[in-house]
Amino acid sequence: MSEEEKNKNNPLHGVKLQHILETLVERYGFKELGNKINIRCFLINPTISSCLKFLRKTPWAREKVEELYLRLKD
């Protein structure tokens, strides 16, 4: 199976993590985002860059953020 076929049904294919995070922060703000997803980087001195750094290193947290983004897009 080619890479293109694998990504055909992936709704996040081509969507950058920064775009996902910026969209969620714009919609909910850091405080509400921290309430929806219990991740400290959203609640303690949050910035886009610090959250991106954490999410790139932490697969479980990134998965939760991506799930929320997909629910927002439905």
PDB file of N, CA and C in Angstrom:
ATOM      1  N   MET A   1       0.850  -1.178   0.000  1.00  0.00           N
ATOM      2  CA  MET A   1       0.000   0.000   0.000  1.00  0.00           C
ATOM      3  C   MET A   1       0.896   1.242   0.000  1.00  0.00           C
ATOM      4  N   SER A   2       0.617   2.151  -0.880  1.00  0.00           N
ATOM      5  CA  SER A   2       1.451   3.349  -0.983  1.00  0.00           C
ATOM      6  C   SER A   2       1.119   4.328   0.140  1.00  0.00           C
ATOM      7  N   GLU A   3       2.008   5.259   0.362  1.00  0.00           N
ATOM      8  CA  GLU A   3       1.836   6.281   1.399  1.00  0.00           C
ATOM      9  C   GLU A   3       0.582   7.109   1.109  1.00  0.00           C
ATOM     10  N   GLU A   4       0.337   7.390  -0.146  1.00  0.00           N
ATOM     11  CA  GLU A   4      -0.830   8.174  -0.541  1.00  0.00           C
ATOM     12  C   GLU A   4      -2.129   7.442  -0.183  1.00  0.00           C
ATOM     13  N   GLU A   5      -2.170   6.138  -0.396  1.00  0.00           N
ATOM     14  CA  GLU A   5      -3.350   5.346  -0.059  1.00  0.00           C
ATOM     15  C   GLU A   5      -3.579   5.304   1.445  1.00  0.00           C
ATOM     16  N   LYS A   6      -2.492   5.231   2.212  1.00  0.00           N
ATOM     17  CA  LYS A   6      -2.605   5.210   3.674  1.00  0.00           C
ATOM     18  C   LYS A   6      -3.219   6.504   4.199  1.00  0.00           C
ATOM     19  N   ASN A   7      -2.831   7.622   3.601  1.00  0.00           N
ATOM     20  CA  ASN A   7      -3.263   8.934   4.090  1.00  0.00           C
ATOM     21  C   ASN A   7      -4.586   9.390   3.493  1.00  0.00           C
ATOM     22  N   LYS A   8      -5.100   8.648   2.539  1.00  0.00           N
ATOM     23  CA  LYS A   8      -6.329   9.021   1.848  1.00  0.00           C
ATOM     24  C   LYS A   8      -7.489   9.226   2.821  1.00  0.00           C
ATOM     25  N   ASN A   9      -7.616   8.353   3.801  1.00  0.00           N
ATOM     26  CA  ASN A   9      -8.724   8.430   4.757  1.00  0.00           C
ATOM     27  C   ASN A   9      -8.348   9.102   6.066  1.00  0.00           C
ATOM     28  N   ASN A  10      -7.168   9.676   6.153  1.00  0.00           N
ATOM     29  CA  ASN A  10      -6.734  10.352   7.373  1.00  0.00           C
ATOM     30  C   ASN A  10      -7.160  11.821   7.300  1.00  0.00           C
ATOM     31  N   PRO A  11      -8.143  12.229   8.124  1.00  0.00           N
ATOM     32  CA  PRO A  11      -8.618  13.614   8.055  1.00  0.00           C
ATOM     33  C   PRO A  11      -7.576  14.638   8.511  1.00  0.00           C
ATOM     34  N   LEU A  12      -6.537  14.193   9.186  1.00  0.00           N
ATOM     35  CA  LEU A  12      -5.499  15.116   9.658  1.00  0.00           C
ATOM     36  C   LEU A  12      -4.309  15.201   8.710  1.00  0.00           C
ATOM     37  N   HIS A  13      -4.341  14.430   7.632  1.00  0.00           N
ATOM     38  CA  HIS A  13      -3.223  14.453   6.690  1.00  0.00           C
ATOM     39  C   HIS A  13      -3.061  15.855   6.100  1.00  0.00           C
ATOM     40  N   GLY A  14      -1.880  16.404   6.235  1.00  0.00           N
ATOM     41  CA  GLY A  14      -1.589  17.728   5.702  1.00  0.00           C
ATOM     42  C   GLY A  14      -1.931  18.874   6.641  1.00  0.00           C
ATOM     43  N   VAL A  15      -2.505  18.568   7.792  1.00  0.00           N
ATOM     44  CA  VAL A  15      -2.853  19.608   8.769  1.00  0.00           C
ATOM     45  C   VAL A  15      -1.739  19.674   9.805  1.00  0.00           C
ATOM     46  N   LYS A  16      -1.145  20.824   9.940  1.00  0.00           N
ATOM     47  CA  LYS A  16      -0.032  20.983  10.874  1.00  0.00           C
ATOM     48  C   LYS A  16      -0.542  21.128  12.307  1.00  0.00           C
ATOM     49  N   LEU A  17       0.259  20.607  13.231  1.00  0.00           N
ATOM     50  CA  LEU A  17      -0.087  20.685  14.641  1.00  0.00           C
ATOM     51  C   LEU A  17      -0.267  22.141  15.071  1.00  0.00           C
ATOM     52  N   GLN A  18       0.529  23.033  14.561  1.00  0.00           N
ATOM     53  CA  GLN A  18       0.410  24.451  14.923  1.00  0.00           C
ATOM     54  C   GLN A  18      -0.958  24.993  14.516  1.00  0.00           C
ATOM     55  N   HIS A  19      -1.431  24.618  13.335  1.00  0.00           N
ATOM     56  CA  HIS A  19      -2.757  25.065  12.881  1.00  0.00           C
ATOM     57  C   HIS A  19      -3.841  24.507  13.798  1.00  0.00           C
ATOM     58  N   ILE A  20      -3.723  23.238  14.163  1.00  0.00           N
ATOM     59  CA  ILE A  20      -4.698  22.604  15.054  1.00  0.00           C
ATOM     60  C   ILE A  20      -4.752  23.368  16.379  1.00  0.00           C
ATOM     61  N   LEU A  21      -3.588  23.603  16.964  1.00  0.00           N
ATOM     62  CA  LEU A  21      -3.524  24.279  18.257  1.00  0.00           C
ATOM     63  C   LEU A  21      -4.048  25.707  18.167  1.00  0.00           C
ATOM     64  N   GLU A  22      -3.649  26.440  17.148  1.00  0.00           N
ATOM     65  CA  GLU A  22      -4.112  27.825  16.994  1.00  0.00           C
ATOM     66  C   GLU A  22      -5.633  27.880  16.817  1.00  0.00           C
ATOM     67  N   THR A  23      -6.183  26.935  16.066  1.00  0.00           N
ATOM     68  CA  THR A  23      -7.632  26.882  15.876  1.00  0.00           C
ATOM     69  C   THR A  23      -8.347  26.642  17.199  1.00  0.00           C
ATOM     70  N   LEU A  24      -7.839  25.692  17.990  1.00  0.00           N
ATOM     71  CA  LEU A  24      -8.466  25.384  19.277  1.00  0.00           C
ATOM     72  C   LEU A  24      -8.335  26.534  20.268  1.00  0.00           C
ATOM     73  N   VAL A  25      -7.180  27.180  20.287  1.00  0.00           N
ATOM     74  CA  VAL A  25      -6.978  28.315  21.198  1.00  0.00           C
ATOM     75  C   VAL A  25      -7.885  29.477  20.788  1.00  0.00           C
ATOM     76  N   GLU A  26      -8.030  29.699  19.500  1.00  0.00           N
ATOM     77  CA  GLU A  26      -8.906  30.766  19.020  1.00  0.00           C
ATOM     78  C   GLU A  26     -10.359  30.478  19.415  1.00  0.00           C
ATOM     79  N   ARG A  27     -10.751  29.238  19.324  1.00  0.00           N
ATOM     80  CA  ARG A  27     -12.136  28.841  19.629  1.00  0.00           C
ATOM     81  C   ARG A  27     -12.418  28.833  21.128  1.00  0.00           C
ATOM     82  N   TYR A  28     -11.517  28.243  21.904  1.00  0.00           N
ATOM     83  CA  TYR A  28     -11.779  28.031  23.326  1.00  0.00           C
ATOM     84  C   TYR A  28     -10.949  28.906  24.263  1.00  0.00           C
ATOM     85  N   GLY A  29      -9.767  29.319  23.843  1.00  0.00           N
ATOM     86  CA  GLY A  29      -8.837  29.991  24.737  1.00  0.00           C
ATOM     87  C   GLY A  29      -8.081  28.939  25.539  1.00  0.00           C
ATOM     88  N   PHE A  30      -6.935  29.308  26.094  1.00  0.00           N
ATOM     89  CA  PHE A  30      -6.115  28.334  26.817  1.00  0.00           C
ATOM     90  C   PHE A  30      -6.823  27.780  28.049  1.00  0.00           C
ATOM     91  N   LYS A  31      -7.512  28.644  28.790  1.00  0.00           N
ATOM     92  CA  LYS A  31      -8.142  28.196  30.031  1.00  0.00           C
ATOM     93  C   LYS A  31      -9.200  27.130  29.762  1.00  0.00           C
ATOM     94  N   GLU A  32     -10.100  27.389  28.829  1.00  0.00           N
ATOM     95  CA  GLU A  32     -11.148  26.420  28.506  1.00  0.00           C
ATOM     96  C   GLU A  32     -10.556  25.164  27.870  1.00  0.00           C
ATOM     97  N   LEU A  33      -9.523  25.337  27.076  1.00  0.00           N
ATOM     98  CA  LEU A  33      -8.843  24.184  26.474  1.00  0.00           C
ATOM     99  C   LEU A  33      -8.247  23.305  27.573  1.00  0.00           C
ATOM    100  N   GLY A  34      -7.680  23.927  28.588  1.00  0.00           N
ATOM    101  CA  GLY A  34      -7.146  23.188  29.728  1.00  0.00           C
ATOM    102  C   GLY A  34      -8.225  22.478  30.525  1.00  0.00           C
ATOM    103  N   ASN A  35      -9.422  23.039  30.537  1.00  0.00           N
ATOM    104  CA  ASN A  35     -10.546  22.380  31.205  1.00  0.00           C
ATOM    105  C   ASN A  35     -11.061  21.194  30.387  1.00  0.00           C
ATOM    106  N   LYS A  36     -11.055  21.335  29.071  1.00  0.00           N
ATOM    107  CA  LYS A  36     -11.522  20.255  28.203  1.00  0.00           C
ATOM    108  C   LYS A  36     -10.522  19.103  28.141  1.00  0.00           C
ATOM    109  N   ILE A  37      -9.236  19.459  28.095  1.00  0.00           N
ATOM    110  CA  ILE A  37      -8.160  18.466  28.054  1.00  0.00           C
ATOM    111  C   ILE A  37      -7.229  18.794  29.211  1.00  0.00           C
ATOM    112  N   ASN A  38      -7.152  17.924  30.181  1.00  0.00           N
ATOM    113  CA  ASN A  38      -6.374  18.202  31.378  1.00  0.00           C
ATOM    114  C   ASN A  38      -4.873  18.071  31.096  1.00  0.00           C
ATOM    115  N   ILE A  39      -4.330  19.134  30.519  1.00  0.00           N
ATOM    116  CA  ILE A  39      -2.904  19.205  30.208  1.00  0.00           C
ATOM    117  C   ILE A  39      -2.383  20.509  30.812  1.00  0.00           C
ATOM    118  N   ARG A  40      -1.384  20.393  31.666  1.00  0.00           N
ATOM    119  CA  ARG A  40      -0.882  21.550  32.410  1.00  0.00           C
ATOM    120  C   ARG A  40      -0.347  22.668  31.525  1.00  0.00           C
ATOM    121  N   CYS A  41       0.205  22.331  30.356  1.00  0.00           N
ATOM    122  CA  CYS A  41       0.779  23.384  29.518  1.00  0.00           C
ATOM    123  C   CYS A  41      -0.282  24.376  29.036  1.00  0.00           C
ATOM    124  N   PHE A  42      -1.565  23.990  29.088  1.00  0.00           N
ATOM    125  CA  PHE A  42      -2.641  24.909  28.724  1.00  0.00           C
ATOM    126  C   PHE A  42      -3.042  25.815  29.888  1.00  0.00           C
ATOM    127  N   LEU A  43      -2.658  25.431  31.080  1.00  0.00           N
ATOM    128  CA  LEU A  43      -3.123  26.149  32.266  1.00  0.00           C
ATOM    129  C   LEU A  43      -2.059  26.994  32.955  1.00  0.00           C
ATOM    130  N   ILE A  44      -0.787  26.625  32.816  1.00  0.00           N
ATOM    131  CA  ILE A  44       0.290  27.322  33.522  1.00  0.00           C
ATOM    132  C   ILE A  44       1.176  28.038  32.498  1.00  0.00           C
ATOM    133  N   ASN A  45       1.096  29.353  32.471  1.00  0.00           N
ATOM    134  CA  ASN A  45       1.871  30.191  31.549  1.00  0.00           C
ATOM    135  C   ASN A  45       1.847  29.663  30.110  1.00  0.00           C
ATOM    136  N   PRO A  46       0.654  29.498  29.523  1.00  0.00           N
ATOM    137  CA  PRO A  46       0.579  28.902  28.189  1.00  0.00           C
ATOM    138  C   PRO A  46       1.020  29.851  27.073  1.00  0.00           C
ATOM    139  N   THR A  47       1.743  29.300  26.132  1.00  0.00           N
ATOM    140  CA  THR A  47       2.048  29.979  24.876  1.00  0.00           C
ATOM    141  C   THR A  47       1.928  28.921  23.792  1.00  0.00           C
ATOM    142  N   ILE A  48       1.724  29.365  22.577  1.00  0.00           N
ATOM    143  CA  ILE A  48       1.629  28.420  21.464  1.00  0.00           C
ATOM    144  C   ILE A  48       2.922  27.618  21.357  1.00  0.00           C
ATOM    145  N   SER A  49       4.061  28.284  21.444  1.00  0.00           N
ATOM    146  CA  SER A  49       5.338  27.582  21.258  1.00  0.00           C
ATOM    147  C   SER A  49       5.610  26.566  22.363  1.00  0.00           C
ATOM    148  N   SER A  50       5.298  26.913  23.620  1.00  0.00           N
ATOM    149  CA  SER A  50       5.537  25.952  24.702  1.00  0.00           C
ATOM    150  C   SER A  50       4.596  24.757  24.594  1.00  0.00           C
ATOM    151  N   CYS A  51       3.369  25.000  24.200  1.00  0.00           N
ATOM    152  CA  CYS A  51       2.412  23.900  24.031  1.00  0.00           C
ATOM    153  C   CYS A  51       2.808  23.004  22.858  1.00  0.00           C
ATOM    154  N   LEU A  52       3.261  23.611  21.767  1.00  0.00           N
ATOM    155  CA  LEU A  52       3.708  22.823  20.616  1.00  0.00           C
ATOM    156  C   LEU A  52       4.875  21.922  21.003  1.00  0.00           C
ATOM    157  N   LYS A  53       5.819  22.471  21.751  1.00  0.00           N
ATOM    158  CA  LYS A  53       6.981  21.689  22.183  1.00  0.00           C
ATOM    159  C   LYS A  53       6.533  20.477  22.999  1.00  0.00           C
ATOM    160  N   PHE A  54       5.606  20.703  23.935  1.00  0.00           N
ATOM    161  CA  PHE A  54       5.102  19.615  24.770  1.00  0.00           C
ATOM    162  C   PHE A  54       4.344  18.589  23.934  1.00  0.00           C
ATOM    163  N   LEU A  55       3.454  19.049  23.067  1.00  0.00           N
ATOM    164  CA  LEU A  55       2.627  18.131  22.282  1.00  0.00           C
ATOM    165  C   LEU A  55       3.453  17.292  21.316  1.00  0.00           C
ATOM    166  N   ARG A  56       4.519  17.860  20.798  1.00  0.00           N
ATOM    167  CA  ARG A  56       5.377  17.098  19.880  1.00  0.00           C
ATOM    168  C   ARG A  56       6.126  15.981  20.605  1.00  0.00           C
ATOM    169  N   LYS A  57       6.365  16.158  21.892  1.00  0.00           N
ATOM    170  CA  LYS A  57       7.100  15.154  22.674  1.00  0.00           C
ATOM    171  C   LYS A  57       6.174  14.148  23.361  1.00  0.00           C
ATOM    172  N   THR A  58       4.873  14.429  23.402  1.00  0.00           N
ATOM    173  CA  THR A  58       3.953  13.647  24.218  1.00  0.00           C
ATOM    174  C   THR A  58       2.797  13.121  23.362  1.00  0.00           C
ATOM    175  N   PRO A  59       2.942  11.907  22.843  1.00  0.00           N
ATOM    176  CA  PRO A  59       1.927  11.367  21.916  1.00  0.00           C
ATOM    177  C   PRO A  59       0.504  11.302  22.483  1.00  0.00           C
ATOM    178  N   TRP A  60       0.341  10.947  23.746  1.00  0.00           N
ATOM    179  CA  TRP A  60      -1.018  10.842  24.294  1.00  0.00           C
ATOM    180  C   TRP A  60      -1.706  12.205  24.327  1.00  0.00           C
ATOM    181  N   ALA A  61      -0.944  13.259  24.626  1.00  0.00           N
ATOM    182  CA  ALA A  61      -1.512  14.606  24.688  1.00  0.00           C
ATOM    183  C   ALA A  61      -1.862  15.094  23.283  1.00  0.00           C
ATOM    184  N   ARG A  62      -0.976  14.827  22.342  1.00  0.00           N
ATOM    185  CA  ARG A  62      -1.241  15.221  20.959  1.00  0.00           C
ATOM    186  C   ARG A  62      -2.497  14.537  20.434  1.00  0.00           C
ATOM    187  N   GLU A  63      -2.658  13.271  20.778  1.00  0.00           N
ATOM    188  CA  GLU A  63      -3.835  12.526  20.334  1.00  0.00           C
ATOM    189  C   GLU A  63      -5.120  13.162  20.873  1.00  0.00           C
ATOM    190  N   LYS A  64      -5.112  13.588  22.116  1.00  0.00           N
ATOM    191  CA  LYS A  64      -6.291  14.224  22.701  1.00  0.00           C
ATOM    192  C   LYS A  64      -6.607  15.557  22.009  1.00  0.00           C
ATOM    193  N   VAL A  65      -5.566  16.314  21.693  1.00  0.00           N
ATOM    194  CA  VAL A  65      -5.750  17.593  21.005  1.00  0.00           C
ATOM    195  C   VAL A  65      -6.306  17.347  19.598  1.00  0.00           C
ATOM    196  N   GLU A  66      -5.771  16.363  18.907  1.00  0.00           N
ATOM    197  CA  GLU A  66      -6.249  16.045  17.559  1.00  0.00           C
ATOM    198  C   GLU A  66      -7.699  15.564  17.588  1.00  0.00           C
ATOM    199  N   GLU A  67      -8.069  14.778  18.588  1.00  0.00           N
ATOM    200  CA  GLU A  67      -9.449  14.306  18.723  1.00  0.00           C
ATOM    201  C   GLU A  67     -10.409  15.483  18.919  1.00  0.00           C
ATOM    202  N   LEU A  68     -10.035  16.429  19.764  1.00  0.00           N
ATOM    203  CA  LEU A  68     -10.874  17.597  19.991  1.00  0.00           C
ATOM    204  C   LEU A  68     -11.009  18.413  18.706  1.00  0.00           C
ATOM    205  N   TYR A  69      -9.923  18.562  17.981  1.00  0.00           N
ATOM    206  CA  TYR A  69      -9.944  19.299  16.716  1.00  0.00           C
ATOM    207  C   TYR A  69     -10.903  18.636  15.725  1.00  0.00           C
ATOM    208  N   LEU A  70     -10.833  17.311  15.633  1.00  0.00           N
ATOM    209  CA  LEU A  70     -11.704  16.600  14.703  1.00  0.00           C
ATOM    210  C   LEU A  70     -13.182  16.749  15.103  1.00  0.00           C
ATOM    211  N   ARG A  71     -13.469  16.727  16.388  1.00  0.00           N
ATOM    212  CA  ARG A  71     -14.859  16.931  16.843  1.00  0.00           C
ATOM    213  C   ARG A  71     -15.328  18.342  16.504  1.00  0.00           C
ATOM    214  N   LEU A  72     -14.432  19.311  16.594  1.00  0.00           N
ATOM    215  CA  LEU A  72     -14.768  20.698  16.265  1.00  0.00           C
ATOM    216  C   LEU A  72     -15.092  20.833  14.778  1.00  0.00           C
ATOM    217  N   LYS A  73     -14.388  20.072  13.948  1.00  0.00           N
ATOM    218  CA  LYS A  73     -14.560  20.160  12.500  1.00  0.00           C
ATOM    219  C   LYS A  73     -15.776  19.405  11.973  1.00  0.00           C
ATOM    220  N   ASP A  74     -16.359  18.538  12.797  1.00  0.00           N
ATOM    221  CA  ASP A  74     -17.535  17.767  12.347  1.00  0.00           C
ATOM    222  C   ASP A  74     -18.767  18.617  12.238  1.00  0.00           C
TER     223      ASP A  74
END
